Protein backbone atom coordinates (compact mmCIF):
# COMPACT_ATOMS: atom_id res chain seq x y z
CA UNK A 1 107.36 -32.61 96.31
CA UNK A 2 109.51 -30.73 98.81
CA UNK A 3 107.52 -32.18 101.70
CA UNK A 4 107.81 -35.72 100.31
CA UNK A 5 111.59 -35.28 100.13
CA UNK A 6 111.79 -33.61 103.56
CA UNK A 7 113.20 -30.38 102.07
CA UNK A 8 112.71 -27.02 103.74
CA UNK A 9 110.81 -24.28 101.93
CA UNK A 10 113.98 -22.19 101.63
CA UNK A 11 116.17 -25.03 100.23
CA UNK A 12 117.42 -24.43 96.70
CA UNK A 13 116.69 -27.31 94.34
CA UNK A 14 117.72 -28.78 91.01
CA UNK A 15 114.81 -29.79 88.80
CA UNK A 16 114.81 -32.30 85.97
CA UNK A 17 111.64 -32.50 83.90
CA UNK A 18 110.09 -34.24 80.91
CA UNK A 19 106.78 -33.59 79.21
CA UNK A 20 105.00 -32.98 75.96
CA UNK A 21 105.92 -30.14 73.60
CA UNK A 22 103.58 -27.68 75.36
CA UNK A 23 105.25 -28.37 78.71
CA UNK A 24 108.73 -27.98 77.21
CA UNK A 25 107.80 -24.72 75.47
CA UNK A 26 106.22 -23.27 78.61
CA UNK A 27 109.22 -24.09 80.78
CA UNK A 28 111.63 -22.70 78.20
CA UNK A 29 109.56 -19.56 77.77
CA UNK A 30 109.13 -18.89 81.50
CA UNK A 31 112.38 -20.48 82.73
CA UNK A 32 113.54 -17.59 84.93
CA UNK A 33 110.09 -17.03 86.40
CA UNK A 34 109.63 -20.73 87.25
CA UNK A 35 113.11 -20.97 88.82
CA UNK A 36 112.43 -17.91 90.95
CA UNK A 37 109.02 -19.15 92.11
CA UNK A 38 110.22 -22.62 93.12
CA UNK A 39 113.72 -21.58 94.28
CA UNK A 40 115.41 -23.75 91.66
CA UNK A 41 119.00 -23.21 90.64
CA UNK A 42 118.41 -24.96 87.35
CA UNK A 43 115.68 -26.57 85.26
CA UNK A 44 117.01 -29.34 83.05
CA UNK A 45 115.19 -31.43 80.47
CA UNK A 46 115.70 -35.14 81.07
CA UNK A 47 114.21 -38.53 80.35
CA UNK A 48 113.34 -41.68 82.31
CA UNK A 49 111.77 -39.76 85.19
CA UNK A 50 109.04 -41.68 86.98
CA UNK A 51 107.28 -38.99 88.99
CA UNK A 52 104.23 -37.90 86.97
CA UNK A 53 102.25 -34.78 87.77
CA UNK A 54 99.37 -33.01 86.03
CA UNK A 55 100.20 -29.48 84.84
CA UNK A 56 96.94 -27.98 83.64
CA UNK A 57 95.95 -31.12 81.75
CA UNK A 58 99.46 -31.96 80.56
CA UNK A 59 101.37 -34.88 82.01
CA UNK A 60 104.87 -33.93 83.14
CA UNK A 61 107.52 -35.95 84.89
CA UNK A 62 109.48 -34.00 87.48
CA UNK A 63 112.36 -34.92 89.72
CA UNK A 64 113.90 -32.63 92.32
CA UNK A 65 117.16 -32.81 94.23
CA UNK A 66 118.55 -30.54 96.90
CA UNK A 67 121.25 -28.28 95.47
């Protein structure tokens, strides 16, 4: 997603996501780890996101913006 948006690897991002209950629980449970791994300043639950990805068999919608 960074490449599609022409972001550099070191750019900090803001992430908005939507998904089923398993996706929400996993992101809440591992919030700090996920933010650290993807260099996100924040992970925010949102709706009406149209960028679907497969996360281990779960459909999630993720949007990123440069911080």
